[in-house]
Amino acid sequence: MYYTYVLQSMKDRGFYTGFTENIKLRFEHHNKGLVESTKDRVPFKLIYYEACLNQADATRREKYLKSYYGKMFLRKRLKSYLTG
């Protein structure tokens, strides 16, 4: 299984979207500052993830979630979380 995930930085409240085969380990790497693109924004909270059957599906889903329509989907999906 592969996972597409969305993290929220507790430092700047911004989001990060990615994919991985081991979501638990990848989340630890993000929070320990071991990921170059997010090391200045730790700590993170995992706010959303989806399981995919293969890497191609996970990368396609990641690309969608980073698009305008994907961001709108996430806003609707996480509406109660984002509005408090």
PDB file of N, CA and C in Angstrom:
ATOM      1  N   MET A   1       0.828  -1.188   0.000  1.00  0.00           N
ATOM      2  CA  MET A   1       0.000   0.000   0.000  1.00  0.00           C
ATOM      3  C   MET A   1       0.873   1.253   0.000  1.00  0.00           C
ATOM      4  N   TYR A   2       0.363   2.273  -0.649  1.00  0.00           N
ATOM      5  CA  TYR A   2       0.983   3.592  -0.639  1.00  0.00           C
ATOM      6  C   TYR A   2      -0.035   4.566  -0.065  1.00  0.00           C
ATOM      7  N   TYR A   3       0.454   5.640   0.501  1.00  0.00           N
ATOM      8  CA  TYR A   3      -0.419   6.600   1.156  1.00  0.00           C
ATOM      9  C   TYR A   3      -0.151   8.001   0.631  1.00  0.00           C
ATOM     10  N   THR A   4      -1.216   8.720   0.361  1.00  0.00           N
ATOM     11  CA  THR A   4      -1.146  10.143   0.071  1.00  0.00           C
ATOM     12  C   THR A   4      -1.601  10.833   1.348  1.00  0.00           C
ATOM     13  N   TYR A   5      -0.854  11.839   1.779  1.00  0.00           N
ATOM     14  CA  TYR A   5      -1.142  12.427   3.081  1.00  0.00           C
ATOM     15  C   TYR A   5      -1.032  13.943   3.049  1.00  0.00           C
ATOM     16  N   VAL A   6      -1.690  14.574   4.018  1.00  0.00           N
ATOM     17  CA  VAL A   6      -1.623  16.027   4.182  1.00  0.00           C
ATOM     18  C   VAL A   6      -1.237  16.306   5.628  1.00  0.00           C
ATOM     19  N   LEU A   7      -0.194  17.098   5.787  1.00  0.00           N
ATOM     20  CA  LEU A   7       0.260  17.526   7.111  1.00  0.00           C
ATOM     21  C   LEU A   7      -0.050  18.999   7.283  1.00  0.00           C
ATOM     22  N   GLN A   8      -0.263  19.391   8.525  1.00  0.00           N
ATOM     23  CA  GLN A   8      -0.402  20.816   8.824  1.00  0.00           C
ATOM     24  C   GLN A   8       0.695  21.196   9.803  1.00  0.00           C
ATOM     25  N   SER A   9       1.431  22.239   9.457  1.00  0.00           N
ATOM     26  CA  SER A   9       2.500  22.734  10.319  1.00  0.00           C
ATOM     27  C   SER A   9       1.877  23.469  11.494  1.00  0.00           C
ATOM     28  N   MET A  10       2.317  23.143  12.690  1.00  0.00           N
ATOM     29  CA  MET A  10       1.842  23.843  13.879  1.00  0.00           C
ATOM     30  C   MET A  10       2.564  25.181  14.035  1.00  0.00           C
ATOM     31  N   LYS A  11       3.634  25.354  13.278  1.00  0.00           N
ATOM     32  CA  LYS A  11       4.416  26.590  13.336  1.00  0.00           C
ATOM     33  C   LYS A  11       3.767  27.693  12.501  1.00  0.00           C
ATOM     34  N   ASP A  12       3.449  27.392  11.234  1.00  0.00           N
ATOM     35  CA  ASP A  12       2.901  28.420  10.348  1.00  0.00           C
ATOM     36  C   ASP A  12       1.490  28.107   9.851  1.00  0.00           C
ATOM     37  N   ARG A  13       0.902  26.993  10.326  1.00  0.00           N
ATOM     38  CA  ARG A  13      -0.458  26.557   9.972  1.00  0.00           C
ATOM     39  C   ARG A  13      -0.604  26.181   8.503  1.00  0.00           C
ATOM     40  N   GLY A  14       0.500  26.156   7.757  1.00  0.00           N
ATOM     41  CA  GLY A  14       0.469  25.784   6.344  1.00  0.00           C
ATOM     42  C   GLY A  14       0.372  24.278   6.165  1.00  0.00           C
ATOM     43  N   PHE A  15       0.091  23.867   4.939  1.00  0.00           N
ATOM     44  CA  PHE A  15      -0.102  22.455   4.625  1.00  0.00           C
ATOM     45  C   PHE A  15       1.031  21.915   3.778  1.00  0.00           C
ATOM     46  N   TYR A  16       1.244  20.619   3.883  1.00  0.00           N
ATOM     47  CA  TYR A  16       2.207  19.907   3.045  1.00  0.00           C
ATOM     48  C   TYR A  16       1.537  18.623   2.588  1.00  0.00           C
ATOM     49  N   THR A  17       1.590  18.342   1.302  1.00  0.00           N
ATOM     50  CA  THR A  17       0.992  17.129   0.738  1.00  0.00           C
ATOM     51  C   THR A  17       2.104  16.272   0.151  1.00  0.00           C
ATOM     52  N   GLY A  18       2.049  14.977   0.425  1.00  0.00           N
ATOM     53  CA  GLY A  18       3.046  14.054  -0.104  1.00  0.00           C
ATOM     54  C   GLY A  18       2.498  12.651  -0.201  1.00  0.00           C
ATOM     55  N   PHE A  19       3.362  11.710  -0.598  1.00  0.00           N
ATOM     56  CA  PHE A  19       2.980  10.304  -0.629  1.00  0.00           C
ATOM     57  C   PHE A  19       4.138   9.468  -0.122  1.00  0.00           C
ATOM     58  N   THR A  20       3.811   8.276   0.363  1.00  0.00           N
ATOM     59  CA  THR A  20       4.829   7.391   0.921  1.00  0.00           C
ATOM     60  C   THR A  20       4.309   5.970   0.987  1.00  0.00           C
ATOM     61  N   GLU A  21       5.217   5.042   1.187  1.00  0.00           N
ATOM     62  CA  GLU A  21       4.835   3.648   1.379  1.00  0.00           C
ATOM     63  C   GLU A  21       4.678   3.337   2.868  1.00  0.00           C
ATOM     64  N   ASN A  22       5.388   4.090   3.709  1.00  0.00           N
ATOM     65  CA  ASN A  22       5.330   3.876   5.155  1.00  0.00           C
ATOM     66  C   ASN A  22       4.959   5.202   5.830  1.00  0.00           C
ATOM     67  N   ILE A  23       3.686   5.391   6.057  1.00  0.00           N
ATOM     68  CA  ILE A  23       3.201   6.690   6.539  1.00  0.00           C
ATOM     69  C   ILE A  23       3.702   7.004   7.953  1.00  0.00           C
ATOM     70  N   LYS A  24       3.796   6.001   8.790  1.00  0.00           N
ATOM     71  CA  LYS A  24       4.242   6.214  10.168  1.00  0.00           C
ATOM     72  C   LYS A  24       5.695   6.714  10.195  1.00  0.00           C
ATOM     73  N   LEU A  25       6.561   6.050   9.448  1.00  0.00           N
ATOM     74  CA  LEU A  25       7.969   6.436   9.392  1.00  0.00           C
ATOM     75  C   LEU A  25       8.145   7.813   8.739  1.00  0.00           C
ATOM     76  N   ARG A  26       7.405   8.055   7.673  1.00  0.00           N
ATOM     77  CA  ARG A  26       7.514   9.337   6.976  1.00  0.00           C
ATOM     78  C   ARG A  26       7.069  10.487   7.881  1.00  0.00           C
ATOM     79  N   PHE A  27       6.001  10.280   8.642  1.00  0.00           N
ATOM     80  CA  PHE A  27       5.522  11.290   9.578  1.00  0.00           C
ATOM     81  C   PHE A  27       6.588  11.591  10.632  1.00  0.00           C
ATOM     82  N   GLU A  28       7.245  10.539  11.142  1.00  0.00           N
ATOM     83  CA  GLU A  28       8.335  10.733  12.106  1.00  0.00           C
ATOM     84  C   GLU A  28       9.466  11.546  11.489  1.00  0.00           C
ATOM     85  N   HIS A  29       9.819  11.237  10.239  1.00  0.00           N
ATOM     86  CA  HIS A  29      10.892  11.967   9.558  1.00  0.00           C
ATOM     87  C   HIS A  29      10.549  13.447   9.424  1.00  0.00           C
ATOM     88  N   HIS A  30       9.302  13.744   9.063  1.00  0.00           N
ATOM     89  CA  HIS A  30       8.880  15.145   8.961  1.00  0.00           C
ATOM     90  C   HIS A  30       9.038  15.842  10.311  1.00  0.00           C
ATOM     91  N   ASN A  31       8.561  15.218  11.372  1.00  0.00           N
ATOM     92  CA  ASN A  31       8.583  15.867  12.688  1.00  0.00           C
ATOM     93  C   ASN A  31       9.973  15.957  13.305  1.00  0.00           C
ATOM     94  N   LYS A  32      10.887  15.127  12.859  1.00  0.00           N
ATOM     95  CA  LYS A  32      12.271  15.206  13.350  1.00  0.00           C
ATOM     96  C   LYS A  32      13.121  16.158  12.524  1.00  0.00           C
ATOM     97  N   GLY A  33      12.528  16.750  11.481  1.00  0.00           N
ATOM     98  CA  GLY A  33      13.265  17.694  10.641  1.00  0.00           C
ATOM     99  C   GLY A  33      14.182  17.027   9.643  1.00  0.00           C
ATOM    100  N   LEU A  34      13.929  15.773   9.314  1.00  0.00           N
ATOM    101  CA  LEU A  34      14.784  15.028   8.390  1.00  0.00           C
ATOM    102  C   LEU A  34      14.386  15.182   6.930  1.00  0.00           C
ATOM    103  N   VAL A  35      13.274  15.862   6.667  1.00  0.00           N
ATOM    104  CA  VAL A  35      12.814  16.091   5.298  1.00  0.00           C
ATOM    105  C   VAL A  35      13.170  17.525   4.923  1.00  0.00           C
ATOM    106  N   GLU A  36      13.998  17.664   3.906  1.00  0.00           N
ATOM    107  CA  GLU A  36      14.544  18.966   3.522  1.00  0.00           C
ATOM    108  C   GLU A  36      13.458  20.014   3.291  1.00  0.00           C
ATOM    109  N   SER A  37      12.392  19.645   2.605  1.00  0.00           N
ATOM    110  CA  SER A  37      11.377  20.635   2.237  1.00  0.00           C
ATOM    111  C   SER A  37      10.510  21.094   3.405  1.00  0.00           C
ATOM    112  N   THR A  38      10.534  20.382   4.527  1.00  0.00           N
ATOM    113  CA  THR A  38       9.678  20.757   5.655  1.00  0.00           C
ATOM    114  C   THR A  38      10.431  20.983   6.961  1.00  0.00           C
ATOM    115  N   LYS A  39      11.736  20.902   6.937  1.00  0.00           N
ATOM    116  CA  LYS A  39      12.498  20.935   8.189  1.00  0.00           C
ATOM    117  C   LYS A  39      12.344  22.233   8.977  1.00  0.00           C
ATOM    118  N   ASP A  40      12.054  23.347   8.295  1.00  0.00           N
ATOM    119  CA  ASP A  40      11.908  24.631   8.981  1.00  0.00           C
ATOM    120  C   ASP A  40      10.490  24.875   9.487  1.00  0.00           C
ATOM    121  N   ARG A  41       9.587  23.898   9.288  1.00  0.00           N
ATOM    122  CA  ARG A  41       8.184  24.109   9.640  1.00  0.00           C
ATOM    123  C   ARG A  41       7.678  23.136  10.705  1.00  0.00           C
ATOM    124  N   VAL A  42       8.563  22.398  11.369  1.00  0.00           N
ATOM    125  CA  VAL A  42       8.144  21.424  12.383  1.00  0.00           C
ATOM    126  C   VAL A  42       7.613  22.147  13.616  1.00  0.00           C
ATOM    127  N   PRO A  43       6.750  21.551  14.380  1.00  0.00           N
ATOM    128  CA  PRO A  43       6.165  20.209  14.283  1.00  0.00           C
ATOM    129  C   PRO A  43       4.932  20.184  13.364  1.00  0.00           C
ATOM    130  N   PHE A  44       4.537  18.958  12.999  1.00  0.00           N
ATOM    131  CA  PHE A  44       3.404  18.741  12.114  1.00  0.00           C
ATOM    132  C   PHE A  44       2.340  17.893  12.777  1.00  0.00           C
ATOM    133  N   LYS A  45       1.131  18.047  12.234  1.00  0.00           N
ATOM    134  CA  LYS A  45       0.005  17.207  12.623  1.00  0.00           C
ATOM    135  C   LYS A  45      -0.500  16.544  11.341  1.00  0.00           C
ATOM    136  N   LEU A  46      -0.710  15.243  11.386  1.00  0.00           N
ATOM    137  CA  LEU A  46      -1.280  14.528  10.246  1.00  0.00           C
ATOM    138  C   LEU A  46      -2.778  14.781  10.262  1.00  0.00           C
ATOM    139  N   ILE A  47      -3.287  15.457   9.224  1.00  0.00           N
ATOM    140  CA  ILE A  47      -4.706  15.805   9.244  1.00  0.00           C
ATOM    141  C   ILE A  47      -5.528  15.020   8.236  1.00  0.00           C
ATOM    142  N   TYR A  48      -4.865  14.338   7.265  1.00  0.00           N
ATOM    143  CA  TYR A  48      -5.622  13.605   6.254  1.00  0.00           C
ATOM    144  C   TYR A  48      -4.704  12.610   5.568  1.00  0.00           C
ATOM    145  N   TYR A  49      -5.235  11.436   5.259  1.00  0.00           N
ATOM    146  CA  TYR A  49      -4.498  10.500   4.415  1.00  0.00           C
ATOM    147  C   TYR A  49      -5.452   9.570   3.683  1.00  0.00           C
ATOM    148  N   GLU A  50      -4.973   9.040   2.572  1.00  0.00           N
ATOM    149  CA  GLU A  50      -5.713   8.081   1.770  1.00  0.00           C
ATOM    150  C   GLU A  50      -4.784   6.930   1.427  1.00  0.00           C
ATOM    151  N   ALA A  51      -5.315   5.721   1.417  1.00  0.00           N
ATOM    152  CA  ALA A  51      -4.542   4.546   1.026  1.00  0.00           C
ATOM    153  C   ALA A  51      -4.758   4.284  -0.458  1.00  0.00           C
ATOM    154  N   CYS A  52      -3.678   3.952  -1.152  1.00  0.00           N
ATOM    155  CA  CYS A  52      -3.734   3.632  -2.584  1.00  0.00           C
ATOM    156  C   CYS A  52      -3.087   2.260  -2.797  1.00  0.00           C
ATOM    157  N   LEU A  53      -3.496   1.582  -3.844  1.00  0.00           N
ATOM    158  CA  LEU A  53      -2.994   0.233  -4.097  1.00  0.00           C
ATOM    159  C   LEU A  53      -1.583   0.219  -4.673  1.00  0.00           C
ATOM    160  N   ASN A  54      -1.194   1.296  -5.381  1.00  0.00           N
ATOM    161  CA  ASN A  54       0.152   1.310  -5.962  1.00  0.00           C
ATOM    162  C   ASN A  54       0.685   2.738  -6.013  1.00  0.00           C
ATOM    163  N   GLN A  55       1.954   2.847  -6.336  1.00  0.00           N
ATOM    164  CA  GLN A  55       2.624   4.141  -6.324  1.00  0.00           C
ATOM    165  C   GLN A  55       2.054   5.090  -7.370  1.00  0.00           C
ATOM    166  N   ALA A  56       1.704   4.578  -8.529  1.00  0.00           N
ATOM    167  CA  ALA A  56       1.162   5.437  -9.586  1.00  0.00           C
ATOM    168  C   ALA A  56      -0.130   6.106  -9.125  1.00  0.00           C
ATOM    169  N   ASP A  57      -0.998   5.356  -8.464  1.00  0.00           N
ATOM    170  CA  ASP A  57      -2.243   5.943  -7.950  1.00  0.00           C
ATOM    171  C   ASP A  57      -1.957   6.987  -6.876  1.00  0.00           C
ATOM    172  N   ALA A  58      -1.000   6.705  -6.004  1.00  0.00           N
ATOM    173  CA  ALA A  58      -0.667   7.637  -4.920  1.00  0.00           C
ATOM    174  C   ALA A  58      -0.087   8.939  -5.469  1.00  0.00           C
ATOM    175  N   THR A  59       0.788   8.859  -6.457  1.00  0.00           N
ATOM    176  CA  THR A  59       1.373  10.077  -7.026  1.00  0.00           C
ATOM    177  C   THR A  59       0.319  10.870  -7.799  1.00  0.00           C
ATOM    178  N   ARG A  60      -0.583  10.173  -8.482  1.00  0.00           N
ATOM    179  CA  ARG A  60      -1.668  10.846  -9.191  1.00  0.00           C
ATOM    180  C   ARG A  60      -2.579  11.577  -8.206  1.00  0.00           C
ATOM    181  N   ARG A  61      -2.869  10.925  -7.084  1.00  0.00           N
ATOM    182  CA  ARG A  61      -3.732  11.534  -6.067  1.00  0.00           C
ATOM    183  C   ARG A  61      -3.037  12.725  -5.409  1.00  0.00           C
ATOM    184  N   GLU A  62      -1.727  12.597  -5.163  1.00  0.00           N
ATOM    185  CA  GLU A  62      -0.955  13.709  -4.599  1.00  0.00           C
ATOM    186  C   GLU A  62      -1.026  14.920  -5.530  1.00  0.00           C
ATOM    187  N   LYS A  63      -0.821  14.682  -6.803  1.00  0.00           N
ATOM    188  CA  LYS A  63      -0.862  15.767  -7.780  1.00  0.00           C
ATOM    189  C   LYS A  63      -2.243  16.430  -7.784  1.00  0.00           C
ATOM    190  N   TYR A  64      -3.304  15.621  -7.702  1.00  0.00           N
ATOM    191  CA  TYR A  64      -4.657  16.176  -7.660  1.00  0.00           C
ATOM    192  C   TYR A  64      -4.866  17.025  -6.407  1.00  0.00           C
ATOM    193  N   LEU A  65      -4.462  16.515  -5.248  1.00  0.00           N
ATOM    194  CA  LEU A  65      -4.682  17.237  -3.999  1.00  0.00           C
ATOM    195  C   LEU A  65      -3.905  18.554  -3.944  1.00  0.00           C
ATOM    196  N   LYS A  66      -2.851  18.669  -4.736  1.00  0.00           N
ATOM    197  CA  LYS A  66      -2.086  19.910  -4.806  1.00  0.00           C
ATOM    198  C   LYS A  66      -2.697  20.903  -5.794  1.00  0.00           C
ATOM    199  N   SER A  67      -3.639  20.443  -6.613  1.00  0.00           N
ATOM    200  CA  SER A  67      -4.280  21.311  -7.598  1.00  0.00           C
ATOM    201  C   SER A  67      -5.367  22.164  -6.943  1.00  0.00           C
ATOM    202  N   TYR A  68      -5.877  23.120  -7.688  1.00  0.00           N
ATOM    203  CA  TYR A  68      -6.947  23.979  -7.184  1.00  0.00           C
ATOM    204  C   TYR A  68      -8.152  23.145  -6.754  1.00  0.00           C
ATOM    205  N   TYR A  69      -8.594  22.222  -7.621  1.00  0.00           N
ATOM    206  CA  TYR A  69      -9.767  21.413  -7.296  1.00  0.00           C
ATOM    207  C   TYR A  69      -9.500  20.456  -6.141  1.00  0.00           C
ATOM    208  N   GLY A  70      -8.285  19.970  -6.041  1.00  0.00           N
ATOM    209  CA  GLY A  70      -7.916  19.114  -4.916  1.00  0.00           C
ATOM    210  C   GLY A  70      -7.941  19.872  -3.602  1.00  0.00           C
ATOM    211  N   LYS A  71      -7.484  21.105  -3.618  1.00  0.00           N
ATOM    212  CA  LYS A  71      -7.516  21.926  -2.402  1.00  0.00           C
ATOM    213  C   LYS A  71      -8.953  22.234  -1.998  1.00  0.00           C
ATOM    214  N   MET A  72      -9.813  22.452  -2.985  1.00  0.00           N
ATOM    215  CA  MET A  72     -11.230  22.684  -2.689  1.00  0.00           C
ATOM    216  C   MET A  72     -11.853  21.412  -2.097  1.00  0.00           C
ATOM    217  N   PHE A  73     -11.491  20.249  -2.642  1.00  0.00           N
ATOM    218  CA  PHE A  73     -11.973  18.976  -2.110  1.00  0.00           C
ATOM    219  C   PHE A  73     -11.567  18.836  -0.641  1.00  0.00           C
ATOM    220  N   LEU A  74     -10.305  19.121  -0.342  1.00  0.00           N
ATOM    221  CA  LEU A  74      -9.827  19.008   1.034  1.00  0.00           C
ATOM    222  C   LEU A  74     -10.527  19.998   1.965  1.00  0.00           C
ATOM    223  N   ARG A  75     -10.761  21.209   1.489  1.00  0.00           N
ATOM    224  CA  ARG A  75     -11.463  22.195   2.319  1.00  0.00           C
ATOM    225  C   ARG A  75     -12.858  21.709   2.683  1.00  0.00           C
ATOM    226  N   LYS A  76     -13.553  21.126   1.690  1.00  0.00           N
ATOM    227  CA  LYS A  76     -14.899  20.591   1.962  1.00  0.00           C
ATOM    228  C   LYS A  76     -14.822  19.387   2.883  1.00  0.00           C
ATOM    229  N   ARG A  77     -13.870  18.515   2.629  1.00  0.00           N
ATOM    230  CA  ARG A  77     -13.720  17.283   3.407  1.00  0.00           C
ATOM    231  C   ARG A  77     -13.341  17.571   4.863  1.00  0.00           C
ATOM    232  N   LEU A  78     -12.516  18.586   5.065  1.00  0.00           N
ATOM    233  CA  LEU A  78     -12.010  18.916   6.399  1.00  0.00           C
ATOM    234  C   LEU A  78     -12.667  20.167   6.978  1.00  0.00           C
ATOM    235  N   LYS A  79     -13.829  20.520   6.475  1.00  0.00           N
ATOM    236  CA  LYS A  79     -14.480  21.772   6.850  1.00  0.00           C
ATOM    237  C   LYS A  79     -14.604  21.947   8.369  1.00  0.00           C
ATOM    238  N   SER A  80     -15.090  20.938   9.062  1.00  0.00           N
ATOM    239  CA  SER A  80     -15.268  21.084  10.521  1.00  0.00           C
ATOM    240  C   SER A  80     -13.926  21.189  11.233  1.00  0.00           C
ATOM    241  N   TYR A  81     -12.900  20.501  10.734  1.00  0.00           N
ATOM    242  CA  TYR A  81     -11.578  20.586  11.353  1.00  0.00           C
ATOM    243  C   TYR A  81     -10.979  21.981  11.145  1.00  0.00           C
ATOM    244  N   LEU A  82     -11.085  22.493   9.932  1.00  0.00           N
ATOM    245  CA  LEU A  82     -10.454  23.769   9.586  1.00  0.00           C
ATOM    246  C   LEU A  82     -11.158  24.972  10.220  1.00  0.00           C
ATOM    247  N   THR A  83     -12.451  24.848  10.466  1.00  0.00           N
ATOM    248  CA  THR A  83     -13.192  25.983  11.033  1.00  0.00           C
ATOM    249  C   THR A  83     -13.282  25.912  12.545  1.00  0.00           C
ATOM    250  N   GLY A  84     -12.863  24.803  13.120  1.00  0.00           N
ATOM    251  CA  GLY A  84     -12.842  24.676  14.568  1.00  0.00           C
ATOM    252  C   GLY A  84     -14.134  24.194  15.058  1.00  0.00           C
TER     253      GLY A  84
END
